[in-house]
Amino acid sequence: MISEDIKDSEMISEDIKDSEMISEDIKYSEMISEDINDSEMIKDGEIISEDIKYSEMINEDIKDAKMISEDIKDGKMSSKDIKDSEMISKDRKHHE
């Protein structure tokens, strides 16, 4: 009977080990779910950084558009200058 009790206690200790392993597995699966949450947050972060890049690109486009409109204004001014110089040359011919 004593030897049976020893076997029983050994089985109980086996059960305890098993339950400890199960709790380890539970902790591990919780850690994995934490990692999954983190990776999902990272995805959101990446999306946000993509959005930031996109908005920066839009800002760049706006700056370029402003520069182009400035160039157009400059171009109009230079065409005005050309007209002015043509008028000056006409005036010179007129004076001669």
PDB file of N, CA and C in Angstrom:
ATOM      1  N   MET A   1       0.826  -1.207   0.000  1.00  0.00           N
ATOM      2  CA  MET A   1       0.000   0.000   0.000  1.00  0.00           C
ATOM      3  C   MET A   1       0.857   1.252   0.000  1.00  0.00           C
ATOM      4  N   ILE A   2       1.936   1.156   0.736  1.00  0.00           N
ATOM      5  CA  ILE A   2       2.837   2.314   0.786  1.00  0.00           C
ATOM      6  C   ILE A   2       3.400   2.575  -0.604  1.00  0.00           C
ATOM      7  N   SER A   3       3.784   1.516  -1.282  1.00  0.00           N
ATOM      8  CA  SER A   3       4.342   1.687  -2.625  1.00  0.00           C
ATOM      9  C   SER A   3       3.270   2.271  -3.556  1.00  0.00           C
ATOM     10  N   GLU A   4       2.020   1.898  -3.343  1.00  0.00           N
ATOM     11  CA  GLU A   4       0.931   2.485  -4.147  1.00  0.00           C
ATOM     12  C   GLU A   4       0.787   3.963  -3.828  1.00  0.00           C
ATOM     13  N   ASP A   5       0.894   4.309  -2.557  1.00  0.00           N
ATOM     14  CA  ASP A   5       0.816   5.712  -2.158  1.00  0.00           C
ATOM     15  C   ASP A   5       1.943   6.511  -2.817  1.00  0.00           C
ATOM     16  N   ILE A   6       3.119   5.892  -2.843  1.00  0.00           N
ATOM     17  CA  ILE A   6       4.271   6.567  -3.468  1.00  0.00           C
ATOM     18  C   ILE A   6       3.966   6.795  -4.949  1.00  0.00           C
ATOM     19  N   LYS A   7       3.431   5.765  -5.607  1.00  0.00           N
ATOM     20  CA  LYS A   7       3.067   5.896  -7.020  1.00  0.00           C
ATOM     21  C   LYS A   7       2.036   7.005  -7.203  1.00  0.00           C
ATOM     22  N   ASP A   8       1.049   7.020  -6.298  1.00  0.00           N
ATOM     23  CA  ASP A   8       0.024   8.062  -6.355  1.00  0.00           C
ATOM     24  C   ASP A   8       0.643   9.446  -6.209  1.00  0.00           C
ATOM     25  N   SER A   9       1.542   9.571  -5.251  1.00  0.00           N
ATOM     26  CA  SER A   9       2.167  10.871  -5.022  1.00  0.00           C
ATOM     27  C   SER A   9       3.028  11.255  -6.223  1.00  0.00           C
ATOM     28  N   GLU A  10       3.649  10.264  -6.840  1.00  0.00           N
ATOM     29  CA  GLU A  10       4.443  10.532  -8.046  1.00  0.00           C
ATOM     30  C   GLU A  10       3.536  10.997  -9.183  1.00  0.00           C
ATOM     31  N   MET A  11       2.377  10.356  -9.293  1.00  0.00           N
ATOM     32  CA  MET A  11       1.424  10.754 -10.321  1.00  0.00           C
ATOM     33  C   MET A  11       0.920  12.180 -10.053  1.00  0.00           C
ATOM     34  N   ILE A  12       0.690  12.453  -8.772  1.00  0.00           N
ATOM     35  CA  ILE A  12       0.245  13.794  -8.394  1.00  0.00           C
ATOM     36  C   ILE A  12       1.322  14.811  -8.762  1.00  0.00           C
ATOM     37  N   SER A  13       2.574  14.482  -8.479  1.00  0.00           N
ATOM     38  CA  SER A  13       3.653  15.421  -8.826  1.00  0.00           C
ATOM     39  C   SER A  13       3.755  15.577 -10.350  1.00  0.00           C
ATOM     40  N   GLU A  14       3.480  14.507 -11.085  1.00  0.00           N
ATOM     41  CA  GLU A  14       3.436  14.591 -12.549  1.00  0.00           C
ATOM     42  C   GLU A  14       2.340  15.560 -12.975  1.00  0.00           C
ATOM     43  N   ASP A  15       1.177  15.402 -12.326  1.00  0.00           N
ATOM     44  CA  ASP A  15       0.042  16.289 -12.632  1.00  0.00           C
ATOM     45  C   ASP A  15       0.411  17.741 -12.347  1.00  0.00           C
ATOM     46  N   ILE A  16       1.114  17.949 -11.245  1.00  0.00           N
ATOM     47  CA  ILE A  16       1.532  19.311 -10.878  1.00  0.00           C
ATOM     48  C   ILE A  16       2.467  19.861 -11.959  1.00  0.00           C
ATOM     49  N   LYS A  17       3.419  19.020 -12.388  1.00  0.00           N
ATOM     50  CA  LYS A  17       4.336  19.450 -13.458  1.00  0.00           C
ATOM     51  C   LYS A  17       3.562  19.803 -14.717  1.00  0.00           C
ATOM     52  N   ASP A  18       2.584  18.940 -15.053  1.00  0.00           N
ATOM     53  CA  ASP A  18       1.767  19.184 -16.242  1.00  0.00           C
ATOM     54  C   ASP A  18       1.035  20.519 -16.110  1.00  0.00           C
ATOM     55  N   SER A  19       0.434  20.739 -14.950  1.00  0.00           N
ATOM     56  CA  SER A  19      -0.322  21.983 -14.763  1.00  0.00           C
ATOM     57  C   SER A  19       0.616  23.181 -14.818  1.00  0.00           C
ATOM     58  N   GLU A  20       1.834  23.034 -14.321  1.00  0.00           N
ATOM     59  CA  GLU A  20       2.814  24.123 -14.409  1.00  0.00           C
ATOM     60  C   GLU A  20       3.175  24.387 -15.867  1.00  0.00           C
ATOM     61  N   MET A  21       3.332  23.295 -16.615  1.00  0.00           N
ATOM     62  CA  MET A  21       3.633  23.459 -18.038  1.00  0.00           C
ATOM     63  C   MET A  21       2.475  24.156 -18.754  1.00  0.00           C
ATOM     64  N   ILE A  22       1.265  23.787 -18.401  1.00  0.00           N
ATOM     65  CA  ILE A  22       0.093  24.406 -19.011  1.00  0.00           C
ATOM     66  C   ILE A  22       0.069  25.897 -18.693  1.00  0.00           C
ATOM     67  N   SER A  23       0.347  26.217 -17.430  1.00  0.00           N
ATOM     68  CA  SER A  23       0.351  27.641 -17.066  1.00  0.00           C
ATOM     69  C   SER A  23       1.460  28.377 -17.823  1.00  0.00           C
ATOM     70  N   GLU A  24       2.606  27.712 -18.040  1.00  0.00           N
ATOM     71  CA  GLU A  24       3.682  28.298 -18.847  1.00  0.00           C
ATOM     72  C   GLU A  24       3.174  28.557 -20.264  1.00  0.00           C
ATOM     73  N   ASP A  25       2.461  27.551 -20.808  1.00  0.00           N
ATOM     74  CA  ASP A  25       1.904  27.695 -22.157  1.00  0.00           C
ATOM     75  C   ASP A  25       0.928  28.858 -22.212  1.00  0.00           C
ATOM     76  N   ILE A  26       0.129  28.999 -21.176  1.00  0.00           N
ATOM     77  CA  ILE A  26      -0.836  30.104 -21.126  1.00  0.00           C
ATOM     78  C   ILE A  26      -0.091  31.434 -21.121  1.00  0.00           C
ATOM     79  N   LYS A  27       0.949  31.521 -20.290  1.00  0.00           N
ATOM     80  CA  LYS A  27       1.750  32.751 -20.243  1.00  0.00           C
ATOM     81  C   LYS A  27       2.341  33.041 -21.621  1.00  0.00           C
ATOM     82  N   TYR A  28       2.860  31.989 -22.265  1.00  0.00           N
ATOM     83  CA  TYR A  28       3.476  32.143 -23.578  1.00  0.00           C
ATOM     84  C   TYR A  28       2.450  32.630 -24.600  1.00  0.00           C
ATOM     85  N   SER A  29       1.262  32.018 -24.566  1.00  0.00           N
ATOM     86  CA  SER A  29       0.224  32.436 -25.518  1.00  0.00           C
ATOM     87  C   SER A  29      -0.200  33.871 -25.227  1.00  0.00           C
ATOM     88  N   GLU A  30      -0.205  34.259 -23.956  1.00  0.00           N
ATOM     89  CA  GLU A  30      -0.510  35.655 -23.613  1.00  0.00           C
ATOM     90  C   GLU A  30       0.567  36.584 -24.165  1.00  0.00           C
ATOM     91  N   MET A  31       1.815  36.133 -24.062  1.00  0.00           N
ATOM     92  CA  MET A  31       2.912  36.938 -24.599  1.00  0.00           C
ATOM     93  C   MET A  31       2.779  37.077 -26.115  1.00  0.00           C
ATOM     94  N   ILE A  32       2.399  35.984 -26.760  1.00  0.00           N
ATOM     95  CA  ILE A  32       2.218  36.022 -28.214  1.00  0.00           C
ATOM     96  C   ILE A  32       1.102  37.008 -28.563  1.00  0.00           C
ATOM     97  N   SER A  33       0.003  36.951 -27.813  1.00  0.00           N
ATOM     98  CA  SER A  33      -1.095  37.880 -28.102  1.00  0.00           C
ATOM     99  C   SER A  33      -0.638  39.315 -27.847  1.00  0.00           C
ATOM    100  N   GLU A  34       0.218  39.523 -26.847  1.00  0.00           N
ATOM    101  CA  GLU A  34       0.793  40.858 -26.617  1.00  0.00           C
ATOM    102  C   GLU A  34       1.591  41.284 -27.844  1.00  0.00           C
ATOM    103  N   ASP A  35       2.424  40.355 -28.353  1.00  0.00           N
ATOM    104  CA  ASP A  35       3.228  40.647 -29.542  1.00  0.00           C
ATOM    105  C   ASP A  35       2.341  40.991 -30.724  1.00  0.00           C
ATOM    106  N   ILE A  36       1.244  40.244 -30.862  1.00  0.00           N
ATOM    107  CA  ILE A  36       0.315  40.509 -31.960  1.00  0.00           C
ATOM    108  C   ILE A  36      -0.259  41.915 -31.815  1.00  0.00           C
ATOM    109  N   ASN A  37      -0.650  42.261 -30.592  1.00  0.00           N
ATOM    110  CA  ASN A  37      -1.165  43.615 -30.344  1.00  0.00           C
ATOM    111  C   ASN A  37      -0.120  44.655 -30.710  1.00  0.00           C
ATOM    112  N   ASP A  38       1.123  44.390 -30.282  1.00  0.00           N
ATOM    113  CA  ASP A  38       2.205  45.322 -30.597  1.00  0.00           C
ATOM    114  C   ASP A  38       2.381  45.452 -32.100  1.00  0.00           C
ATOM    115  N   SER A  39       2.368  44.308 -32.793  1.00  0.00           N
ATOM    116  CA  SER A  39       2.586  44.356 -34.242  1.00  0.00           C
ATOM    117  C   SER A  39       1.435  45.086 -34.920  1.00  0.00           C
ATOM    118  N   GLU A  40       0.217  44.940 -34.402  1.00  0.00           N
ATOM    119  CA  GLU A  40      -0.905  45.674 -34.976  1.00  0.00           C
ATOM    120  C   GLU A  40      -0.723  47.166 -34.746  1.00  0.00           C
ATOM    121  N   MET A  41      -0.210  47.515 -33.564  1.00  0.00           N
ATOM    122  CA  MET A  41       0.052  48.925 -33.291  1.00  0.00           C
ATOM    123  C   MET A  41       1.127  49.450 -34.233  1.00  0.00           C
ATOM    124  N   ILE A  42       2.131  48.603 -34.494  1.00  0.00           N
ATOM    125  CA  ILE A  42       3.203  49.002 -35.407  1.00  0.00           C
ATOM    126  C   ILE A  42       2.615  49.246 -36.797  1.00  0.00           C
ATOM    127  N   LYS A  43       1.699  48.361 -37.208  1.00  0.00           N
ATOM    128  CA  LYS A  43       1.055  48.557 -38.509  1.00  0.00           C
ATOM    129  C   LYS A  43       0.372  49.913 -38.542  1.00  0.00           C
ATOM    130  N   ASP A  44      -0.357  50.239 -37.462  1.00  0.00           N
ATOM    131  CA  ASP A  44      -1.012  51.551 -37.388  1.00  0.00           C
ATOM    132  C   ASP A  44       0.029  52.661 -37.470  1.00  0.00           C
ATOM    133  N   GLY A  45       1.121  52.469 -36.747  1.00  0.00           N
ATOM    134  CA  GLY A  45       2.206  53.454 -36.765  1.00  0.00           C
ATOM    135  C   GLY A  45       2.775  53.617 -38.152  1.00  0.00           C
ATOM    136  N   GLU A  46       2.950  52.479 -38.869  1.00  0.00           N
ATOM    137  CA  GLU A  46       3.470  52.541 -40.229  1.00  0.00           C
ATOM    138  C   GLU A  46       2.488  53.279 -41.126  1.00  0.00           C
ATOM    139  N   ILE A  47       1.216  53.011 -40.920  1.00  0.00           N
ATOM    140  CA  ILE A  47       0.195  53.690 -41.728  1.00  0.00           C
ATOM    141  C   ILE A  47       0.273  55.187 -41.466  1.00  0.00           C
ATOM    142  N   ILE A  48       0.428  55.544 -40.187  1.00  0.00           N
ATOM    143  CA  ILE A  48       0.522  56.965 -39.829  1.00  0.00           C
ATOM    144  C   ILE A  48       1.750  57.580 -40.491  1.00  0.00           C
ATOM    145  N   SER A  49       2.884  56.862 -40.446  1.00  0.00           N
ATOM    146  CA  SER A  49       4.091  57.413 -41.056  1.00  0.00           C
ATOM    147  C   SER A  49       3.921  57.510 -42.570  1.00  0.00           C
ATOM    148  N   GLU A  50       3.180  56.561 -43.168  1.00  0.00           N
ATOM    149  CA  GLU A  50       2.872  56.646 -44.597  1.00  0.00           C
ATOM    150  C   GLU A  50       2.060  57.904 -44.869  1.00  0.00           C
ATOM    151  N   ASP A  51       1.046  58.133 -43.989  1.00  0.00           N
ATOM    152  CA  ASP A  51       0.212  59.331 -44.134  1.00  0.00           C
ATOM    153  C   ASP A  51       1.064  60.587 -44.036  1.00  0.00           C
ATOM    154  N   ILE A  52       2.003  60.580 -43.103  1.00  0.00           N
ATOM    155  CA  ILE A  52       2.870  61.746 -42.923  1.00  0.00           C
ATOM    156  C   ILE A  52       3.692  61.962 -44.193  1.00  0.00           C
ATOM    157  N   LYS A  53       4.253  60.863 -44.733  1.00  0.00           N
ATOM    158  CA  LYS A  53       5.038  60.965 -45.964  1.00  0.00           C
ATOM    159  C   LYS A  53       4.171  61.521 -47.081  1.00  0.00           C
ATOM    160  N   TYR A  54       2.947  61.013 -47.155  1.00  0.00           N
ATOM    161  CA  TYR A  54       2.028  61.443 -48.212  1.00  0.00           C
ATOM    162  C   TYR A  54       1.711  62.926 -48.077  1.00  0.00           C
ATOM    163  N   SER A  55       1.434  63.362 -46.835  1.00  0.00           N
ATOM    164  CA  SER A  55       1.114  64.780 -46.631  1.00  0.00           C
ATOM    165  C   SER A  55       2.344  65.645 -46.917  1.00  0.00           C
ATOM    166  N   GLU A  56       3.548  65.111 -46.603  1.00  0.00           N
ATOM    167  CA  GLU A  56       4.771  65.859 -46.924  1.00  0.00           C
ATOM    168  C   GLU A  56       4.920  65.990 -48.437  1.00  0.00           C
ATOM    169  N   MET A  57       4.580  64.897 -49.151  1.00  0.00           N
ATOM    170  CA  MET A  57       4.642  64.944 -50.607  1.00  0.00           C
ATOM    171  C   MET A  57       3.656  65.971 -51.142  1.00  0.00           C
ATOM    172  N   ILE A  58       2.462  66.000 -50.564  1.00  0.00           N
ATOM    173  CA  ILE A  58       1.457  66.986 -50.984  1.00  0.00           C
ATOM    174  C   ILE A  58       1.997  68.396 -50.737  1.00  0.00           C
ATOM    175  N   ASN A  59       2.596  68.595 -49.557  1.00  0.00           N
ATOM    176  CA  ASN A  59       3.181  69.911 -49.241  1.00  0.00           C
ATOM    177  C   ASN A  59       4.244  70.284 -50.266  1.00  0.00           C
ATOM    178  N   GLU A  60       5.068  69.289 -50.640  1.00  0.00           N
ATOM    179  CA  GLU A  60       6.094  69.527 -51.654  1.00  0.00           C
ATOM    180  C   GLU A  60       5.447  69.960 -52.958  1.00  0.00           C
ATOM    181  N   ASP A  61       4.372  69.239 -53.335  1.00  0.00           N
ATOM    182  CA  ASP A  61       3.659  69.579 -54.576  1.00  0.00           C
ATOM    183  C   ASP A  61       3.121  70.999 -54.505  1.00  0.00           C
ATOM    184  N   ILE A  62       2.574  71.357 -53.341  1.00  0.00           N
ATOM    185  CA  ILE A  62       2.033  72.718 -53.168  1.00  0.00           C
ATOM    186  C   ILE A  62       3.154  73.736 -53.333  1.00  0.00           C
ATOM    187  N   LYS A  63       4.305  73.449 -52.701  1.00  0.00           N
ATOM    188  CA  LYS A  63       5.453  74.361 -52.827  1.00  0.00           C
ATOM    189  C   LYS A  63       5.866  74.486 -54.293  1.00  0.00           C
ATOM    190  N   ASP A  64       5.925  73.318 -54.979  1.00  0.00           N
ATOM    191  CA  ASP A  64       6.298  73.339 -56.402  1.00  0.00           C
ATOM    192  C   ASP A  64       5.299  74.172 -57.193  1.00  0.00           C
ATOM    193  N   ALA A  65       4.012  73.978 -56.916  1.00  0.00           N
ATOM    194  CA  ALA A  65       2.976  74.719 -57.631  1.00  0.00           C
ATOM    195  C   ALA A  65       3.142  76.217 -57.389  1.00  0.00           C
ATOM    196  N   LYS A  66       3.446  76.577 -56.142  1.00  0.00           N
ATOM    197  CA  LYS A  66       3.656  77.998 -55.820  1.00  0.00           C
ATOM    198  C   LYS A  66       4.859  78.534 -56.585  1.00  0.00           C
ATOM    199  N   MET A  67       5.928  77.718 -56.623  1.00  0.00           N
ATOM    200  CA  MET A  67       7.124  78.142 -57.350  1.00  0.00           C
ATOM    201  C   MET A  67       6.813  78.308 -58.833  1.00  0.00           C
ATOM    202  N   ILE A  68       6.029  77.380 -59.383  1.00  0.00           N
ATOM    203  CA  ILE A  68       5.661  77.473 -60.798  1.00  0.00           C
ATOM    204  C   ILE A  68       4.846  78.731 -61.044  1.00  0.00           C
ATOM    205  N   SER A  69       3.893  79.004 -60.145  1.00  0.00           N
ATOM    206  CA  SER A  69       3.086  80.221 -60.317  1.00  0.00           C
ATOM    207  C   SER A  69       3.978  81.446 -60.191  1.00  0.00           C
ATOM    208  N   GLU A  70       4.991  81.384 -59.312  1.00  0.00           N
ATOM    209  CA  GLU A  70       5.955  82.488 -59.203  1.00  0.00           C
ATOM    210  C   GLU A  70       6.694  82.649 -60.530  1.00  0.00           C
ATOM    211  N   ASP A  71       7.121  81.487 -61.096  1.00  0.00           N
ATOM    212  CA  ASP A  71       7.826  81.524 -62.381  1.00  0.00           C
ATOM    213  C   ASP A  71       6.938  82.119 -63.462  1.00  0.00           C
ATOM    214  N   ILE A  72       5.657  81.749 -63.445  1.00  0.00           N
ATOM    215  CA  ILE A  72       4.717  82.285 -64.429  1.00  0.00           C
ATOM    216  C   ILE A  72       4.625  83.801 -64.269  1.00  0.00           C
ATOM    217  N   LYS A  73       4.538  84.243 -63.003  1.00  0.00           N
ATOM    218  CA  LYS A  73       4.503  85.692 -62.747  1.00  0.00           C
ATOM    219  C   LYS A  73       5.773  86.343 -63.285  1.00  0.00           C
ATOM    220  N   ASP A  74       6.926  85.682 -62.993  1.00  0.00           N
ATOM    221  CA  ASP A  74       8.196  86.211 -63.497  1.00  0.00           C
ATOM    222  C   ASP A  74       8.179  86.253 -65.011  1.00  0.00           C
ATOM    223  N   GLY A  75       7.648  85.174 -65.615  1.00  0.00           N
ATOM    224  CA  GLY A  75       7.571  85.116 -67.079  1.00  0.00           C
ATOM    225  C   GLY A  75       6.717  86.237 -67.625  1.00  0.00           C
ATOM    226  N   LYS A  76       5.610  86.518 -66.964  1.00  0.00           N
ATOM    227  CA  LYS A  76       4.743  87.617 -67.400  1.00  0.00           C
ATOM    228  C   LYS A  76       5.488  88.933 -67.270  1.00  0.00           C
ATOM    229  N   MET A  77       6.237  89.066 -66.174  1.00  0.00           N
ATOM    230  CA  MET A  77       6.996  90.290 -65.975  1.00  0.00           C
ATOM    231  C   MET A  77       8.046  90.437 -67.060  1.00  0.00           C
ATOM    232  N   SER A  78       8.711  89.331 -67.404  1.00  0.00           N
ATOM    233  CA  SER A  78       9.758  89.439 -68.420  1.00  0.00           C
ATOM    234  C   SER A  78       9.132  89.759 -69.769  1.00  0.00           C
ATOM    235  N   SER A  79       7.939  89.201 -70.038  1.00  0.00           N
ATOM    236  CA  SER A  79       7.287  89.569 -71.302  1.00  0.00           C
ATOM    237  C   SER A  79       6.908  91.046 -71.269  1.00  0.00           C
ATOM    238  N   LYS A  80       6.562  91.544 -70.080  1.00  0.00           N
ATOM    239  CA  LYS A  80       6.292  92.977 -69.915  1.00  0.00           C
ATOM    240  C   LYS A  80       7.570  93.764 -70.198  1.00  0.00           C
ATOM    241  N   ASP A  81       8.693  93.260 -69.643  1.00  0.00           N
ATOM    242  CA  ASP A  81       9.983  93.906 -69.865  1.00  0.00           C
ATOM    243  C   ASP A  81      10.298  93.949 -71.355  1.00  0.00           C
ATOM    244  N   ILE A  82       9.980  92.852 -72.058  1.00  0.00           N
ATOM    245  CA  ILE A  82      10.241  92.808 -73.497  1.00  0.00           C
ATOM    246  C   ILE A  82       9.414  93.885 -74.201  1.00  0.00           C
ATOM    247  N   LYS A  83       8.146  93.971 -73.816  1.00  0.00           N
ATOM    248  CA  LYS A  83       7.279  94.999 -74.401  1.00  0.00           C
ATOM    249  C   LYS A  83       7.852  96.383 -74.119  1.00  0.00           C
ATOM    250  N   ASP A  84       8.293  96.570 -72.863  1.00  0.00           N
ATOM    251  CA  ASP A  84       8.874  97.862 -72.485  1.00  0.00           C
ATOM    252  C   ASP A  84      10.091  98.168 -73.356  1.00  0.00           C
ATOM    253  N   SER A  85      10.956  97.166 -73.514  1.00  0.00           N
ATOM    254  CA  SER A  85      12.177  97.400 -74.300  1.00  0.00           C
ATOM    255  C   SER A  85      11.814  97.661 -75.761  1.00  0.00           C
ATOM    256  N   GLU A  86      10.766  96.990 -76.249  1.00  0.00           N
ATOM    257  CA  GLU A  86      10.319  97.255 -77.623  1.00  0.00           C
ATOM    258  C   GLU A  86       9.820  98.693 -77.736  1.00  0.00           C
ATOM    259  N   MET A  87       9.094  99.136 -76.715  1.00  0.00           N
ATOM    260  CA  MET A  87       8.585 100.505 -76.723  1.00  0.00           C
ATOM    261  C   MET A  87       9.737 101.491 -76.668  1.00  0.00           C
ATOM    262  N   ILE A  88      10.775 101.146 -75.864  1.00  0.00           N
ATOM    263  CA  ILE A  88      11.945 102.026 -75.752  1.00  0.00           C
ATOM    264  C   ILE A  88      12.630 102.134 -77.111  1.00  0.00           C
ATOM    265  N   SER A  89      12.778 100.974 -77.756  1.00  0.00           N
ATOM    266  CA  SER A  89      13.445 101.006 -79.063  1.00  0.00           C
ATOM    267  C   SER A  89      12.589 101.781 -80.073  1.00  0.00           C
ATOM    268  N   LYS A  90      11.290 101.673 -79.975  1.00  0.00           N
ATOM    269  CA  LYS A  90      10.397 102.455 -80.843  1.00  0.00           C
ATOM    270  C   LYS A  90      10.598 103.938 -80.576  1.00  0.00           C
ATOM    271  N   ASP A  91      10.674 104.282 -79.279  1.00  0.00           N
ATOM    272  CA  ASP A  91      10.875 105.684 -78.901  1.00  0.00           C
ATOM    273  C   ASP A  91      12.186 106.193 -79.469  1.00  0.00           C
ATOM    274  N   ARG A  92      13.227 105.382 -79.438  1.00  0.00           N
ATOM    275  CA  ARG A  92      14.543 105.790 -79.952  1.00  0.00           C
ATOM    276  C   ARG A  92      14.433 106.069 -81.445  1.00  0.00           C
ATOM    277  N   LYS A  93      13.785 105.139 -82.136  1.00  0.00           N
ATOM    278  CA  LYS A  93      13.616 105.332 -83.576  1.00  0.00           C
ATOM    279  C   LYS A  93      12.818 106.600 -83.824  1.00  0.00           C
ATOM    280  N   HIS A  94      11.862 106.840 -83.009  1.00  0.00           N
ATOM    281  CA  HIS A  94      11.000 108.014 -83.135  1.00  0.00           C
ATOM    282  C   HIS A  94      11.816 109.295 -82.982  1.00  0.00           C
ATOM    283  N   HIS A  95      12.745 109.251 -82.000  1.00  0.00           N
ATOM    284  CA  HIS A  95      13.574 110.433 -81.728  1.00  0.00           C
ATOM    285  C   HIS A  95      14.565 110.664 -82.838  1.00  0.00           C
ATOM    286  N   GLU A  96      15.008 109.597 -83.483  1.00  0.00           N
ATOM    287  CA  GLU A  96      16.017 109.752 -84.532  1.00  0.00           C
ATOM    288  C   GLU A  96      15.343 110.308 -85.727  1.00  0.00           C
TER     289      GLU A  96
END
